Amino acid sequence: MSIIQPNKGQNIIILIIGLGLLFVVFTFGNIMIYSKSVSITHDLNSLKANLSNLQVQNAELRTSLYTETDSDAMSKIIAMKGLVEDKNPQWVIVSAQ
């Protein structure tokens, strides 16, 4: 008399298929995470370069502003426009009401 043992090998096959699917899902997830991290790193480097360019432009604008508002430059503009310095200026005071 023989004893039939059904489903004995099927549990192992289901386990192997499940682990294989789990491996595929984790591998795909890791690939996606790596892709996003590379993209973020590239964007960060691009933003750093843009920031560096903006800092240079800011320094140039500040230099331009300081040279335009220098006291010697203002004296030249005052002389060119024919303005006269008021020795006793009359100030208008507005109440804070």
N, C-alpha and C. Protein backbone atom coordinates (compact mmCIF):
# COMPACT_ATOMS: atom_id res chain seq x y z
N MET A 1 0.83 -1.16 0.00
CA MET A 1 0.00 0.00 0.00
C MET A 1 0.89 1.24 0.00
N SER A 2 0.59 2.15 -0.85
CA SER A 2 1.39 3.36 -0.95
C SER A 2 0.64 4.55 -0.35
N ILE A 3 1.42 5.41 0.25
CA ILE A 3 0.83 6.60 0.87
C ILE A 3 1.07 7.78 -0.08
N ILE A 4 0.04 8.45 -0.41
CA ILE A 4 0.12 9.62 -1.30
C ILE A 4 0.24 10.87 -0.42
N GLN A 5 1.26 11.65 -0.72
CA GLN A 5 1.47 12.89 0.03
C GLN A 5 1.34 14.08 -0.93
N PRO A 6 0.14 14.56 -1.12
CA PRO A 6 -0.05 15.66 -2.05
C PRO A 6 0.46 16.99 -1.48
N ASN A 7 0.82 17.89 -2.37
CA ASN A 7 1.22 19.26 -2.03
C ASN A 7 2.52 19.34 -1.24
N LYS A 8 3.31 18.31 -1.19
CA LYS A 8 4.54 18.38 -0.44
C LYS A 8 5.57 19.24 -1.17
N GLY A 9 5.71 19.09 -2.46
CA GLY A 9 6.67 19.90 -3.23
C GLY A 9 6.12 21.25 -3.64
N GLN A 10 4.83 21.43 -3.60
CA GLN A 10 4.21 22.67 -4.06
C GLN A 10 4.49 23.82 -3.10
N ASN A 11 4.60 23.56 -1.80
CA ASN A 11 4.90 24.62 -0.84
C ASN A 11 6.28 25.22 -1.10
N ILE A 12 7.23 24.40 -1.45
CA ILE A 12 8.57 24.90 -1.73
C ILE A 12 8.57 25.74 -3.00
N ILE A 13 7.81 25.33 -4.00
CA ILE A 13 7.74 26.09 -5.26
C ILE A 13 7.09 27.46 -5.01
N ILE A 14 6.05 27.50 -4.22
CA ILE A 14 5.39 28.78 -3.89
C ILE A 14 6.35 29.67 -3.11
N LEU A 15 7.11 29.09 -2.19
CA LEU A 15 8.09 29.86 -1.43
C LEU A 15 9.18 30.43 -2.34
N ILE A 16 9.67 29.61 -3.27
CA ILE A 16 10.71 30.08 -4.20
C ILE A 16 10.17 31.18 -5.11
N ILE A 17 8.96 31.02 -5.61
CA ILE A 17 8.35 32.05 -6.46
C ILE A 17 8.12 33.34 -5.66
N GLY A 18 7.66 33.22 -4.44
CA GLY A 18 7.44 34.40 -3.58
C GLY A 18 8.73 35.14 -3.30
N LEU A 19 9.78 34.39 -2.96
CA LEU A 19 11.07 35.03 -2.70
C LEU A 19 11.64 35.67 -3.97
N GLY A 20 11.43 35.02 -5.11
CA GLY A 20 11.88 35.59 -6.38
C GLY A 20 11.16 36.89 -6.69
N LEU A 21 9.85 36.92 -6.48
CA LEU A 21 9.09 38.16 -6.70
C LEU A 21 9.52 39.25 -5.72
N LEU A 22 9.76 38.87 -4.48
CA LEU A 22 10.23 39.83 -3.48
C LEU A 22 11.59 40.40 -3.89
N PHE A 23 12.46 39.54 -4.38
CA PHE A 23 13.78 39.99 -4.85
C PHE A 23 13.63 40.97 -6.01
N VAL A 24 12.74 40.67 -6.95
CA VAL A 24 12.52 41.56 -8.11
C VAL A 24 11.97 42.90 -7.65
N VAL A 25 11.03 42.90 -6.71
CA VAL A 25 10.44 44.14 -6.21
C VAL A 25 11.51 44.98 -5.50
N PHE A 26 12.31 44.37 -4.64
CA PHE A 26 13.36 45.11 -3.94
C PHE A 26 14.41 45.64 -4.90
N THR A 27 14.76 44.85 -5.90
CA THR A 27 15.75 45.29 -6.89
C THR A 27 15.21 46.48 -7.67
N PHE A 28 13.96 46.41 -8.10
CA PHE A 28 13.35 47.52 -8.82
C PHE A 28 13.28 48.77 -7.94
N GLY A 29 12.93 48.59 -6.67
CA GLY A 29 12.88 49.73 -5.74
C GLY A 29 14.25 50.36 -5.55
N ASN A 30 15.27 49.54 -5.42
CA ASN A 30 16.63 50.09 -5.28
C ASN A 30 17.08 50.84 -6.53
N ILE A 31 16.72 50.32 -7.69
CA ILE A 31 17.06 51.01 -8.94
C ILE A 31 16.35 52.36 -8.99
N MET A 32 15.10 52.42 -8.60
CA MET A 32 14.36 53.68 -8.60
C MET A 32 14.97 54.67 -7.61
N ILE A 33 15.32 54.20 -6.42
CA ILE A 33 15.92 55.08 -5.42
C ILE A 33 17.27 55.61 -5.91
N TYR A 34 18.07 54.75 -6.51
CA TYR A 34 19.36 55.18 -7.05
C TYR A 34 19.16 56.21 -8.16
N SER A 35 18.20 55.99 -9.02
CA SER A 35 17.92 56.93 -10.11
C SER A 35 17.52 58.30 -9.56
N LYS A 36 16.67 58.30 -8.55
CA LYS A 36 16.24 59.57 -7.94
C LYS A 36 17.42 60.27 -7.26
N SER A 37 18.28 59.52 -6.58
CA SER A 37 19.41 60.15 -5.90
C SER A 37 20.40 60.74 -6.91
N VAL A 38 20.60 60.07 -8.04
CA VAL A 38 21.47 60.62 -9.07
C VAL A 38 20.85 61.89 -9.66
N SER A 39 19.55 61.88 -9.87
CA SER A 39 18.86 63.05 -10.41
C SER A 39 18.95 64.23 -9.43
N ILE A 40 18.75 63.94 -8.15
CA ILE A 40 18.83 65.01 -7.14
C ILE A 40 20.26 65.55 -7.05
N THR A 41 21.25 64.68 -7.12
CA THR A 41 22.64 65.13 -7.08
C THR A 41 22.96 66.02 -8.27
N HIS A 42 22.47 65.64 -9.45
CA HIS A 42 22.69 66.45 -10.65
C HIS A 42 22.01 67.81 -10.51
N ASP A 43 20.78 67.83 -10.02
CA ASP A 43 20.07 69.09 -9.83
C ASP A 43 20.77 69.96 -8.79
N LEU A 44 21.28 69.35 -7.73
CA LEU A 44 21.99 70.09 -6.69
C LEU A 44 23.25 70.74 -7.24
N ASN A 45 24.02 70.00 -8.04
CA ASN A 45 25.22 70.57 -8.65
C ASN A 45 24.87 71.72 -9.59
N SER A 46 23.79 71.58 -10.32
CA SER A 46 23.34 72.65 -11.21
C SER A 46 22.95 73.89 -10.42
N LEU A 47 22.25 73.69 -9.32
CA LEU A 47 21.86 74.82 -8.48
C LEU A 47 23.06 75.49 -7.82
N LYS A 48 24.06 74.69 -7.45
CA LYS A 48 25.28 75.28 -6.87
C LYS A 48 25.99 76.15 -7.89
N ALA A 49 26.06 75.70 -9.14
CA ALA A 49 26.69 76.51 -10.20
C ALA A 49 25.90 77.78 -10.43
N ASN A 50 24.58 77.67 -10.42
CA ASN A 50 23.73 78.84 -10.60
C ASN A 50 23.91 79.82 -9.44
N LEU A 51 24.01 79.30 -8.23
CA LEU A 51 24.23 80.15 -7.06
C LEU A 51 25.57 80.87 -7.16
N SER A 52 26.58 80.18 -7.61
CA SER A 52 27.89 80.80 -7.78
C SER A 52 27.82 81.95 -8.78
N ASN A 53 27.13 81.75 -9.89
CA ASN A 53 26.97 82.82 -10.89
C ASN A 53 26.20 83.99 -10.31
N LEU A 54 25.17 83.72 -9.54
CA LEU A 54 24.40 84.79 -8.93
C LEU A 54 25.21 85.57 -7.89
N GLN A 55 26.08 84.88 -7.18
CA GLN A 55 26.94 85.58 -6.22
C GLN A 55 27.91 86.52 -6.93
N VAL A 56 28.43 86.10 -8.08
CA VAL A 56 29.32 86.96 -8.85
C VAL A 56 28.56 88.17 -9.36
N GLN A 57 27.34 87.95 -9.88
CA GLN A 57 26.54 89.08 -10.36
C GLN A 57 26.19 90.03 -9.22
N ASN A 58 25.91 89.49 -8.05
CA ASN A 58 25.61 90.32 -6.89
C ASN A 58 26.81 91.18 -6.52
N ALA A 59 27.99 90.60 -6.52
CA ALA A 59 29.20 91.35 -6.20
C ALA A 59 29.44 92.46 -7.23
N GLU A 60 29.20 92.16 -8.51
CA GLU A 60 29.36 93.19 -9.54
C GLU A 60 28.35 94.32 -9.36
N LEU A 61 27.11 93.99 -9.03
CA LEU A 61 26.10 95.02 -8.81
C LEU A 61 26.42 95.87 -7.59
N ARG A 62 26.92 95.23 -6.54
CA ARG A 62 27.29 96.01 -5.36
C ARG A 62 28.44 96.97 -5.67
N THR A 63 29.42 96.48 -6.41
CA THR A 63 30.53 97.34 -6.79
C THR A 63 30.04 98.52 -7.62
N SER A 64 29.15 98.26 -8.55
CA SER A 64 28.58 99.32 -9.38
C SER A 64 27.81 100.31 -8.52
N LEU A 65 27.01 99.81 -7.57
CA LEU A 65 26.25 100.69 -6.69
C LEU A 65 27.17 101.56 -5.84
N TYR A 66 28.20 100.95 -5.30
CA TYR A 66 29.12 101.71 -4.45
C TYR A 66 29.89 102.77 -5.23
N THR A 67 30.25 102.47 -6.47
CA THR A 67 30.95 103.48 -7.26
C THR A 67 30.02 104.60 -7.69
N GLU A 68 28.74 104.28 -7.94
CA GLU A 68 27.78 105.32 -8.34
C GLU A 68 27.39 106.21 -7.17
N THR A 69 27.37 105.68 -5.96
CA THR A 69 26.96 106.46 -4.80
C THR A 69 28.16 106.96 -3.98
N ASP A 70 29.34 106.88 -4.54
CA ASP A 70 30.53 107.38 -3.89
C ASP A 70 30.42 108.90 -3.76
N SER A 71 31.03 109.48 -2.73
CA SER A 71 30.91 110.93 -2.51
C SER A 71 31.53 111.73 -3.66
N ASP A 72 32.60 111.22 -4.26
CA ASP A 72 33.19 111.93 -5.40
C ASP A 72 32.25 111.91 -6.59
N ALA A 73 31.62 110.80 -6.84
CA ALA A 73 30.67 110.71 -7.96
C ALA A 73 29.47 111.61 -7.70
N MET A 74 29.00 111.66 -6.47
CA MET A 74 27.87 112.53 -6.14
C MET A 74 28.25 114.00 -6.28
N SER A 75 29.46 114.34 -5.89
CA SER A 75 29.92 115.73 -6.05
C SER A 75 29.94 116.12 -7.52
N LYS A 76 30.36 115.21 -8.39
CA LYS A 76 30.38 115.50 -9.83
C LYS A 76 28.96 115.69 -10.36
N ILE A 77 28.03 114.86 -9.90
CA ILE A 77 26.64 114.98 -10.35
C ILE A 77 26.04 116.30 -9.85
N ILE A 78 26.33 116.66 -8.61
CA ILE A 78 25.83 117.92 -8.05
C ILE A 78 26.37 119.09 -8.84
N ALA A 79 27.66 119.07 -9.17
CA ALA A 79 28.26 120.16 -9.94
C ALA A 79 27.69 120.19 -11.36
N MET A 80 27.46 119.04 -11.95
CA MET A 80 26.95 118.98 -13.31
C MET A 80 25.51 119.51 -13.38
N LYS A 81 24.70 119.22 -12.38
CA LYS A 81 23.31 119.69 -12.36
C LYS A 81 23.18 121.13 -11.89
N GLY A 82 24.23 121.68 -11.32
CA GLY A 82 24.19 123.06 -10.84
C GLY A 82 23.45 123.19 -9.52
N LEU A 83 23.45 122.16 -8.73
CA LEU A 83 22.78 122.20 -7.44
C LEU A 83 23.68 122.88 -6.41
N VAL A 84 23.03 123.46 -5.40
CA VAL A 84 23.75 124.17 -4.34
C VAL A 84 23.41 123.52 -3.02
N GLU A 85 24.42 123.32 -2.18
CA GLU A 85 24.20 122.73 -0.87
C GLU A 85 23.53 123.74 0.04
N ASP A 86 22.45 123.32 0.69
CA ASP A 86 21.71 124.18 1.60
C ASP A 86 22.36 124.09 2.97
N LYS A 87 22.81 125.22 3.46
CA LYS A 87 23.50 125.22 4.76
C LYS A 87 22.52 125.06 5.93
N ASN A 88 21.33 125.62 5.81
CA ASN A 88 20.31 125.51 6.86
C ASN A 88 19.03 124.92 6.26
N PRO A 89 18.95 123.62 6.15
CA PRO A 89 17.75 123.04 5.53
C PRO A 89 16.52 123.18 6.42
N GLN A 90 15.38 123.37 5.79
CA GLN A 90 14.10 123.45 6.49
C GLN A 90 13.42 122.09 6.35
N TRP A 91 13.22 121.43 7.44
CA TRP A 91 12.63 120.09 7.42
C TRP A 91 11.15 120.18 7.71
N VAL A 92 10.39 119.39 7.02
CA VAL A 92 8.94 119.31 7.25
C VAL A 92 8.69 118.12 8.17
N ILE A 93 8.05 118.39 9.28
CA ILE A 93 7.78 117.33 10.24
C ILE A 93 6.29 116.98 10.16
N VAL A 94 6.00 115.73 9.96
CA VAL A 94 4.64 115.25 9.86
C VAL A 94 4.33 114.46 11.11
N SER A 95 3.20 114.80 11.73
CA SER A 95 2.85 114.08 12.96
C SER A 95 2.43 112.66 12.63
N ALA A 96 2.53 111.78 13.60
CA ALA A 96 2.26 110.37 13.40
C ALA A 96 0.80 110.02 13.63
N GLN A 97 -0.10 110.99 13.59
CA GLN A 97 -1.52 110.72 13.86
C GLN A 97 -2.20 110.17 12.68
